[in-house]
Amino acid sequence: MQNLEHHCLSSEFPELKAQIHTLKMNDAHFRKLHEAYTDLSKRIENMETEVTPAATADEEELKMERVHLKDTLYQMLTAS
C-alpha cells in the first residue's frame, strides 16, 4: 500500500495556521471553501485507499478541483 499524504490545510501551510483559524472563525466564505476542501480531501483519500472504488480519471478530476480550491484558499490567507 502506498504512503498517503494528508492534505488538511494546516498541514499544507503550517506557517499560516493562525490565519486559517482566524478566517474559519470570522469569514463565512472562507469557512465554506475550507469545508469543501476538507470534504474533497477525504473523498480523494478514500479513493486512494480503495475504501471508495473510483476510476482513475474521476480521482484525477477531484485532485485538480482540490488544487484549485487550495490555490483560492491560499490567496485568501495571504491577501492583506
N, C-alpha and C. Protein backbone atom coordinates (compact mmCIF):
# COMPACT_ATOMS: atom_id res chain seq x y z
N MET A 1 0.84 -1.19 0.00
CA MET A 1 0.00 0.00 0.00
C MET A 1 0.88 1.24 0.00
N GLN A 2 0.48 2.24 -0.76
CA GLN A 2 1.27 3.46 -0.87
C GLN A 2 1.16 4.32 0.38
N ASN A 3 2.18 5.14 0.58
CA ASN A 3 2.19 6.08 1.69
C ASN A 3 1.39 7.31 1.28
N LEU A 4 0.30 7.60 2.00
CA LEU A 4 -0.58 8.69 1.63
C LEU A 4 -0.27 9.95 2.41
N GLU A 5 -0.35 11.07 1.73
CA GLU A 5 -0.22 12.36 2.38
C GLU A 5 -1.59 12.81 2.85
N HIS A 6 -1.61 13.45 4.00
CA HIS A 6 -2.86 14.06 4.45
C HIS A 6 -2.83 15.51 4.00
N HIS A 7 -3.94 15.94 3.45
CA HIS A 7 -3.99 17.26 2.82
C HIS A 7 -4.81 18.26 3.61
N CYS A 8 -4.81 18.16 4.94
CA CYS A 8 -5.53 19.20 5.68
C CYS A 8 -4.78 20.51 5.48
N LEU A 9 -5.52 21.59 5.44
CA LEU A 9 -4.95 22.88 5.08
C LEU A 9 -3.85 23.32 6.05
N SER A 10 -4.00 23.03 7.34
CA SER A 10 -2.97 23.45 8.29
C SER A 10 -1.69 22.62 8.14
N SER A 11 -1.79 21.43 7.57
CA SER A 11 -0.59 20.65 7.25
C SER A 11 0.07 21.15 5.98
N GLU A 12 -0.74 21.60 5.04
CA GLU A 12 -0.23 22.14 3.78
C GLU A 12 0.49 23.47 4.01
N PHE A 13 -0.05 24.28 4.92
CA PHE A 13 0.51 25.61 5.19
C PHE A 13 0.68 25.82 6.69
N PRO A 14 1.60 25.10 7.32
CA PRO A 14 1.74 25.21 8.79
C PRO A 14 2.06 26.63 9.25
N GLU A 15 2.73 27.39 8.40
CA GLU A 15 3.09 28.76 8.77
C GLU A 15 1.87 29.69 8.80
N LEU A 16 0.75 29.23 8.24
CA LEU A 16 -0.48 30.04 8.18
C LEU A 16 -1.57 29.50 9.11
N LYS A 17 -1.19 28.65 10.04
CA LYS A 17 -2.17 28.01 10.92
C LYS A 17 -3.04 29.03 11.66
N ALA A 18 -2.43 30.09 12.19
CA ALA A 18 -3.19 31.11 12.91
C ALA A 18 -4.18 31.82 11.99
N GLN A 19 -3.73 32.14 10.77
CA GLN A 19 -4.62 32.81 9.81
C GLN A 19 -5.78 31.89 9.41
N ILE A 20 -5.48 30.60 9.25
CA ILE A 20 -6.54 29.63 8.90
C ILE A 20 -7.61 29.65 9.99
N HIS A 21 -7.18 29.58 11.23
CA HIS A 21 -8.12 29.56 12.35
C HIS A 21 -8.94 30.86 12.38
N THR A 22 -8.27 31.99 12.24
CA THR A 22 -8.96 33.28 12.29
C THR A 22 -9.99 33.39 11.18
N LEU A 23 -9.61 33.03 9.96
CA LEU A 23 -10.56 33.12 8.85
C LEU A 23 -11.71 32.13 8.99
N LYS A 24 -11.44 30.93 9.51
CA LYS A 24 -12.53 29.97 9.73
C LYS A 24 -13.55 30.53 10.72
N MET A 25 -13.07 31.28 11.71
CA MET A 25 -13.95 31.84 12.73
C MET A 25 -14.70 33.08 12.24
N ASN A 26 -14.08 33.87 11.36
CA ASN A 26 -14.61 35.20 11.04
C ASN A 26 -15.09 35.41 9.61
N ASP A 27 -14.83 34.47 8.71
CA ASP A 27 -15.16 34.67 7.30
C ASP A 27 -15.97 33.47 6.80
N ALA A 28 -17.26 33.69 6.61
CA ALA A 28 -18.16 32.59 6.21
C ALA A 28 -17.78 31.99 4.87
N HIS A 29 -17.34 32.82 3.93
CA HIS A 29 -16.95 32.32 2.61
C HIS A 29 -15.71 31.42 2.72
N PHE A 30 -14.72 31.88 3.47
CA PHE A 30 -13.52 31.06 3.69
C PHE A 30 -13.90 29.75 4.37
N ARG A 31 -14.74 29.82 5.39
CA ARG A 31 -15.15 28.62 6.12
C ARG A 31 -15.82 27.61 5.18
N LYS A 32 -16.68 28.11 4.29
CA LYS A 32 -17.37 27.23 3.34
C LYS A 32 -16.37 26.56 2.39
N LEU A 33 -15.42 27.36 1.86
CA LEU A 33 -14.40 26.80 0.97
C LEU A 33 -13.49 25.82 1.71
N HIS A 34 -13.16 26.13 2.95
CA HIS A 34 -12.32 25.25 3.76
C HIS A 34 -13.02 23.91 3.99
N GLU A 35 -14.31 23.96 4.30
CA GLU A 35 -15.08 22.73 4.49
C GLU A 35 -15.13 21.92 3.20
N ALA A 36 -15.31 22.58 2.07
CA ALA A 36 -15.33 21.89 0.77
C ALA A 36 -13.98 21.23 0.50
N TYR A 37 -12.89 21.94 0.81
CA TYR A 37 -11.54 21.41 0.63
C TYR A 37 -11.33 20.17 1.50
N THR A 38 -11.75 20.25 2.76
CA THR A 38 -11.60 19.13 3.69
C THR A 38 -12.41 17.92 3.23
N ASP A 39 -13.66 18.15 2.82
CA ASP A 39 -14.51 17.06 2.34
C ASP A 39 -13.92 16.42 1.08
N LEU A 40 -13.44 17.24 0.18
CA LEU A 40 -12.84 16.75 -1.06
C LEU A 40 -11.60 15.91 -0.76
N SER A 41 -10.77 16.37 0.17
CA SER A 41 -9.57 15.62 0.55
C SER A 41 -9.94 14.25 1.12
N LYS A 42 -10.98 14.21 1.92
CA LYS A 42 -11.42 12.93 2.50
C LYS A 42 -11.92 11.99 1.40
N ARG A 43 -12.67 12.53 0.44
CA ARG A 43 -13.15 11.70 -0.67
C ARG A 43 -11.99 11.13 -1.47
N ILE A 44 -11.00 11.97 -1.76
CA ILE A 44 -9.83 11.52 -2.52
C ILE A 44 -9.06 10.47 -1.73
N GLU A 45 -8.88 10.70 -0.44
CA GLU A 45 -8.17 9.74 0.40
C GLU A 45 -8.88 8.38 0.39
N ASN A 46 -10.21 8.40 0.44
CA ASN A 46 -10.98 7.15 0.38
C ASN A 46 -10.80 6.44 -0.97
N MET A 47 -10.67 7.21 -2.03
CA MET A 47 -10.42 6.61 -3.35
C MET A 47 -9.02 6.02 -3.40
N GLU A 48 -8.04 6.74 -2.86
CA GLU A 48 -6.66 6.27 -2.88
C GLU A 48 -6.47 5.00 -2.06
N THR A 49 -7.22 4.87 -0.99
CA THR A 49 -7.11 3.67 -0.14
C THR A 49 -8.11 2.59 -0.56
N GLU A 50 -8.84 2.87 -1.62
CA GLU A 50 -9.82 1.95 -2.21
C GLU A 50 -10.97 1.64 -1.26
N VAL A 51 -11.22 2.54 -0.30
CA VAL A 51 -12.43 2.45 0.52
C VAL A 51 -13.62 2.74 -0.38
N THR A 52 -13.43 3.71 -1.28
CA THR A 52 -14.44 4.06 -2.27
C THR A 52 -13.86 3.78 -3.64
N PRO A 53 -14.37 2.74 -4.33
CA PRO A 53 -13.86 2.46 -5.67
C PRO A 53 -14.16 3.61 -6.63
N ALA A 54 -13.18 3.94 -7.46
CA ALA A 54 -13.37 5.03 -8.42
C ALA A 54 -12.42 4.85 -9.59
N ALA A 55 -12.85 5.35 -10.74
CA ALA A 55 -11.98 5.34 -11.92
C ALA A 55 -10.86 6.35 -11.71
N THR A 56 -9.71 6.07 -12.27
CA THR A 56 -8.56 6.95 -12.14
C THR A 56 -8.89 8.36 -12.63
N ALA A 57 -9.62 8.46 -13.73
CA ALA A 57 -9.97 9.77 -14.28
C ALA A 57 -10.81 10.57 -13.29
N ASP A 58 -11.73 9.91 -12.60
CA ASP A 58 -12.55 10.60 -11.60
C ASP A 58 -11.70 11.09 -10.45
N GLU A 59 -10.78 10.26 -10.00
CA GLU A 59 -9.88 10.63 -8.91
C GLU A 59 -9.02 11.83 -9.32
N GLU A 60 -8.48 11.80 -10.53
CA GLU A 60 -7.64 12.89 -11.01
C GLU A 60 -8.44 14.19 -11.14
N GLU A 61 -9.68 14.09 -11.57
CA GLU A 61 -10.53 15.29 -11.68
C GLU A 61 -10.75 15.92 -10.30
N LEU A 62 -11.00 15.08 -9.30
CA LEU A 62 -11.17 15.60 -7.95
C LEU A 62 -9.88 16.22 -7.42
N LYS A 63 -8.75 15.62 -7.76
CA LYS A 63 -7.47 16.18 -7.32
C LYS A 63 -7.24 17.57 -7.93
N MET A 64 -7.63 17.75 -9.19
CA MET A 64 -7.50 19.06 -9.82
C MET A 64 -8.42 20.08 -9.15
N GLU A 65 -9.62 19.64 -8.81
CA GLU A 65 -10.55 20.51 -8.10
C GLU A 65 -9.96 20.93 -6.75
N ARG A 66 -9.32 19.98 -6.07
CA ARG A 66 -8.70 20.28 -4.77
C ARG A 66 -7.56 21.29 -4.93
N VAL A 67 -6.76 21.14 -5.98
CA VAL A 67 -5.67 22.09 -6.24
C VAL A 67 -6.22 23.50 -6.43
N HIS A 68 -7.30 23.63 -7.19
CA HIS A 68 -7.88 24.95 -7.43
C HIS A 68 -8.43 25.54 -6.13
N LEU A 69 -9.07 24.70 -5.32
CA LEU A 69 -9.58 25.17 -4.03
C LEU A 69 -8.43 25.61 -3.13
N LYS A 70 -7.36 24.82 -3.11
CA LYS A 70 -6.21 25.16 -2.27
C LYS A 70 -5.61 26.48 -2.72
N ASP A 71 -5.51 26.71 -4.02
CA ASP A 71 -4.99 27.98 -4.54
C ASP A 71 -5.86 29.15 -4.09
N THR A 72 -7.17 28.98 -4.17
CA THR A 72 -8.10 30.03 -3.76
C THR A 72 -7.96 30.32 -2.26
N LEU A 73 -7.89 29.26 -1.47
CA LEU A 73 -7.74 29.43 -0.02
C LEU A 73 -6.41 30.10 0.31
N TYR A 74 -5.36 29.72 -0.37
CA TYR A 74 -4.04 30.33 -0.14
C TYR A 74 -4.08 31.84 -0.46
N GLN A 75 -4.72 32.17 -1.56
CA GLN A 75 -4.83 33.59 -1.92
C GLN A 75 -5.58 34.36 -0.84
N MET A 76 -6.64 33.77 -0.29
CA MET A 76 -7.39 34.42 0.77
C MET A 76 -6.53 34.56 2.03
N LEU A 77 -5.73 33.55 2.31
CA LEU A 77 -4.89 33.57 3.51
C LEU A 77 -3.77 34.61 3.43
N THR A 78 -3.29 34.85 2.24
CA THR A 78 -2.13 35.72 2.09
C THR A 78 -2.50 37.13 1.61
N ALA A 79 -3.77 37.38 1.37
CA ALA A 79 -4.21 38.71 0.93
C ALA A 79 -4.32 39.62 2.15
N SER A 80 -3.49 40.62 2.19
CA SER A 80 -3.60 41.64 3.25
C SER A 80 -2.55 42.70 3.09
